[in-house]
Amino acid sequence: MVLMMISLAVQMILLYYKPFDSIIENRLSLFNEILVMIYLYLIIGITDVNVDLDLRDIIGWCLLGLVLLSFAANFLKMIVMIGIKCYRVRKTRIEME
């Protein structure tokens, strides 16, 4: 429960204060925090509260999917940012010639 409150507090900080310089960084951080909140809710489903083993398996696959979604989104952002940086460096070098 405490982790959910911390995640919610971080989401509110990201929405209100926008601590990062880049819009993309703020949005991706908010996206990651939302995924953390969903992950925390799903983790409750694999505890002993849930006695249905098939449902636990499904929830486990959902958790794995969330982790992969988070990885893919962050990796895609990194690739795009590297591409933009390379484009700008190349453009600057061409203009200098």
C-alpha atoms as a PDB file:
ATOM      1  CA  MET A   1       0.000   0.000   0.000  1.00  0.00           C
ATOM      2  CA  VAL A   2       2.854   2.376   0.818  1.00  0.00           C
ATOM      3  CA  LEU A   3       4.460   1.744  -2.578  1.00  0.00           C
ATOM      4  CA  MET A   4       1.190   2.632  -4.303  1.00  0.00           C
ATOM      5  CA  MET A   5       1.000   5.902  -2.392  1.00  0.00           C
ATOM      6  CA  ILE A   6       4.602   6.726  -3.262  1.00  0.00           C
ATOM      7  CA  SER A   7       3.939   5.945  -6.924  1.00  0.00           C
ATOM      8  CA  LEU A   8       0.823   8.136  -6.874  1.00  0.00           C
ATOM      9  CA  ALA A   9       2.790  10.964  -5.243  1.00  0.00           C
ATOM     10  CA  VAL A  10       5.474  10.710  -7.922  1.00  0.00           C
ATOM     11  CA  GLN A  11       2.788  10.800 -10.618  1.00  0.00           C
ATOM     12  CA  MET A  12       1.334  13.974  -9.127  1.00  0.00           C
ATOM     13  CA  ILE A  13       4.797  15.554  -8.973  1.00  0.00           C
ATOM     14  CA  LEU A  14       5.423  14.643 -12.607  1.00  0.00           C
ATOM     15  CA  LEU A  15       2.097  16.131 -13.665  1.00  0.00           C
ATOM     16  CA  TYR A  16       2.304  19.303 -11.610  1.00  0.00           C
ATOM     17  CA  TYR A  17       5.983  20.281 -11.503  1.00  0.00           C
ATOM     18  CA  LYS A  18       7.292  18.660 -14.704  1.00  0.00           C
ATOM     19  CA  PRO A  19      10.795  18.195 -13.248  1.00  0.00           C
ATOM     20  CA  PHE A  20      12.552  17.252 -16.486  1.00  0.00           C
ATOM     21  CA  ASP A  21      13.626  19.673 -19.216  1.00  0.00           C
ATOM     22  CA  SER A  22      12.179  17.584 -22.021  1.00  0.00           C
ATOM     23  CA  ILE A  23       8.473  16.946 -22.588  1.00  0.00           C
ATOM     24  CA  ILE A  24       9.353  13.425 -23.702  1.00  0.00           C
ATOM     25  CA  GLU A  25      11.204  12.741 -20.448  1.00  0.00           C
ATOM     26  CA  ASN A  26       8.241  13.956 -18.380  1.00  0.00           C
ATOM     27  CA  ARG A  27       5.743  11.905 -20.368  1.00  0.00           C
ATOM     28  CA  LEU A  28       7.855   8.764 -20.367  1.00  0.00           C
ATOM     29  CA  SER A  29       8.444   9.069 -16.626  1.00  0.00           C
ATOM     30  CA  LEU A  30       4.703   9.436 -16.078  1.00  0.00           C
ATOM     31  CA  PHE A  31       4.087   6.421 -18.343  1.00  0.00           C
ATOM     32  CA  ASN A  32       6.602   4.397 -16.328  1.00  0.00           C
ATOM     33  CA  GLU A  33       4.970   5.403 -13.056  1.00  0.00           C
ATOM     34  CA  ILE A  34       1.548   4.402 -14.359  1.00  0.00           C
ATOM     35  CA  LEU A  35       2.988   1.023 -15.336  1.00  0.00           C
ATOM     36  CA  VAL A  36       4.463   0.703 -11.834  1.00  0.00           C
ATOM     37  CA  MET A  37       1.034   1.392 -10.342  1.00  0.00           C
ATOM     38  CA  ILE A  38      -0.597  -1.239 -12.571  1.00  0.00           C
ATOM     39  CA  TYR A  39       2.217  -3.664 -11.716  1.00  0.00           C
ATOM     40  CA  LEU A  40       1.645  -3.129  -7.994  1.00  0.00           C
ATOM     41  CA  TYR A  41      -2.082  -3.765  -8.350  1.00  0.00           C
ATOM     42  CA  LEU A  42      -1.441  -6.944 -10.326  1.00  0.00           C
ATOM     43  CA  ILE A  43       1.106  -8.189  -7.808  1.00  0.00           C
ATOM     44  CA  ILE A  44      -1.710  -8.397  -5.268  1.00  0.00           C
ATOM     45  CA  GLY A  45      -3.344 -10.962  -7.548  1.00  0.00           C
ATOM     46  CA  ILE A  46      -0.483 -13.430  -7.248  1.00  0.00           C
ATOM     47  CA  THR A  47      -0.465 -13.473  -3.458  1.00  0.00           C
ATOM     48  CA  ASP A  48      -2.250 -16.063  -1.333  1.00  0.00           C
ATOM     49  CA  VAL A  49      -5.409 -13.941  -1.480  1.00  0.00           C
ATOM     50  CA  ASN A  50      -6.032 -15.469  -4.907  1.00  0.00           C
ATOM     51  CA  VAL A  51      -6.470 -19.249  -4.695  1.00  0.00           C
ATOM     52  CA  ASP A  52      -7.132 -19.784  -8.432  1.00  0.00           C
ATOM     53  CA  LEU A  53      -3.835 -21.026  -9.888  1.00  0.00           C
ATOM     54  CA  ASP A  54      -4.882 -20.439 -13.498  1.00  0.00           C
ATOM     55  CA  LEU A  55      -5.669 -16.814 -12.715  1.00  0.00           C
ATOM     56  CA  ARG A  56      -2.278 -16.468 -11.037  1.00  0.00           C
ATOM     57  CA  ASP A  57      -0.626 -17.727 -14.219  1.00  0.00           C
ATOM     58  CA  ILE A  58      -2.555 -15.201 -16.317  1.00  0.00           C
ATOM     59  CA  ILE A  59      -1.626 -12.391 -13.934  1.00  0.00           C
ATOM     60  CA  GLY A  60       1.997 -13.517 -14.098  1.00  0.00           C
ATOM     61  CA  TRP A  61       1.932 -13.255 -17.895  1.00  0.00           C
ATOM     62  CA  CYS A  62       0.344  -9.810 -17.601  1.00  0.00           C
ATOM     63  CA  LEU A  63       3.148  -8.742 -15.262  1.00  0.00           C
ATOM     64  CA  LEU A  64       5.714 -10.015 -17.741  1.00  0.00           C
ATOM     65  CA  GLY A  65       3.917  -8.118 -20.507  1.00  0.00           C
ATOM     66  CA  LEU A  66       4.039  -4.906 -18.479  1.00  0.00           C
ATOM     67  CA  VAL A  67       7.765  -5.266 -17.905  1.00  0.00           C
ATOM     68  CA  LEU A  68       8.339  -5.901 -21.618  1.00  0.00           C
ATOM     69  CA  LEU A  69       6.124  -2.942 -22.544  1.00  0.00           C
ATOM     70  CA  SER A  70       8.109  -0.695 -20.235  1.00  0.00           C
ATOM     71  CA  PHE A  71      11.394  -1.977 -21.657  1.00  0.00           C
ATOM     72  CA  ALA A  72      10.186  -1.534 -25.245  1.00  0.00           C
ATOM     73  CA  ALA A  73       8.943   2.018 -24.645  1.00  0.00           C
ATOM     74  CA  ASN A  74      12.164   3.095 -22.953  1.00  0.00           C
ATOM     75  CA  PHE A  75      14.331   1.357 -25.554  1.00  0.00           C
ATOM     76  CA  LEU A  76      12.353   2.958 -28.410  1.00  0.00           C
ATOM     77  CA  LYS A  77      12.752   6.374 -26.792  1.00  0.00           C
ATOM     78  CA  MET A  78      16.491   5.805 -26.507  1.00  0.00           C
ATOM     79  CA  ILE A  79      16.765   4.776 -30.174  1.00  0.00           C
ATOM     80  CA  VAL A  80      14.742   7.807 -31.301  1.00  0.00           C
ATOM     81  CA  MET A  81      16.839  10.186 -29.189  1.00  0.00           C
ATOM     82  CA  ILE A  82      20.070   8.692 -30.567  1.00  0.00           C
ATOM     83  CA  GLY A  83      18.688   9.066 -34.097  1.00  0.00           C
ATOM     84  CA  ILE A  84      17.772  12.713 -33.500  1.00  0.00           C
ATOM     85  CA  LYS A  85      21.200  13.431 -32.027  1.00  0.00           C
ATOM     86  CA  CYS A  86      22.978  11.753 -34.963  1.00  0.00           C
ATOM     87  CA  TYR A  87      20.811  13.689 -37.425  1.00  0.00           C
ATOM     88  CA  ARG A  88      21.635  17.003 -35.752  1.00  0.00           C
ATOM     89  CA  VAL A  89      25.370  16.252 -35.658  1.00  0.00           C
ATOM     90  CA  ARG A  90      25.348  15.227 -39.319  1.00  0.00           C
ATOM     91  CA  LYS A  91      23.341  18.301 -40.293  1.00  0.00           C
ATOM     92  CA  THR A  92      25.784  20.548 -38.414  1.00  0.00           C
ATOM     93  CA  ARG A  93      28.779  18.938 -40.116  1.00  0.00           C
ATOM     94  CA  ILE A  94      27.202  19.319 -43.555  1.00  0.00           C
ATOM     95  CA  GLU A  95      26.454  23.004 -42.883  1.00  0.00           C
ATOM     96  CA  MET A  96      30.055  23.594 -41.751  1.00  0.00           C
ATOM     97  CA  GLU A  97      31.461  22.254 -45.030  1.00  0.00           C
END
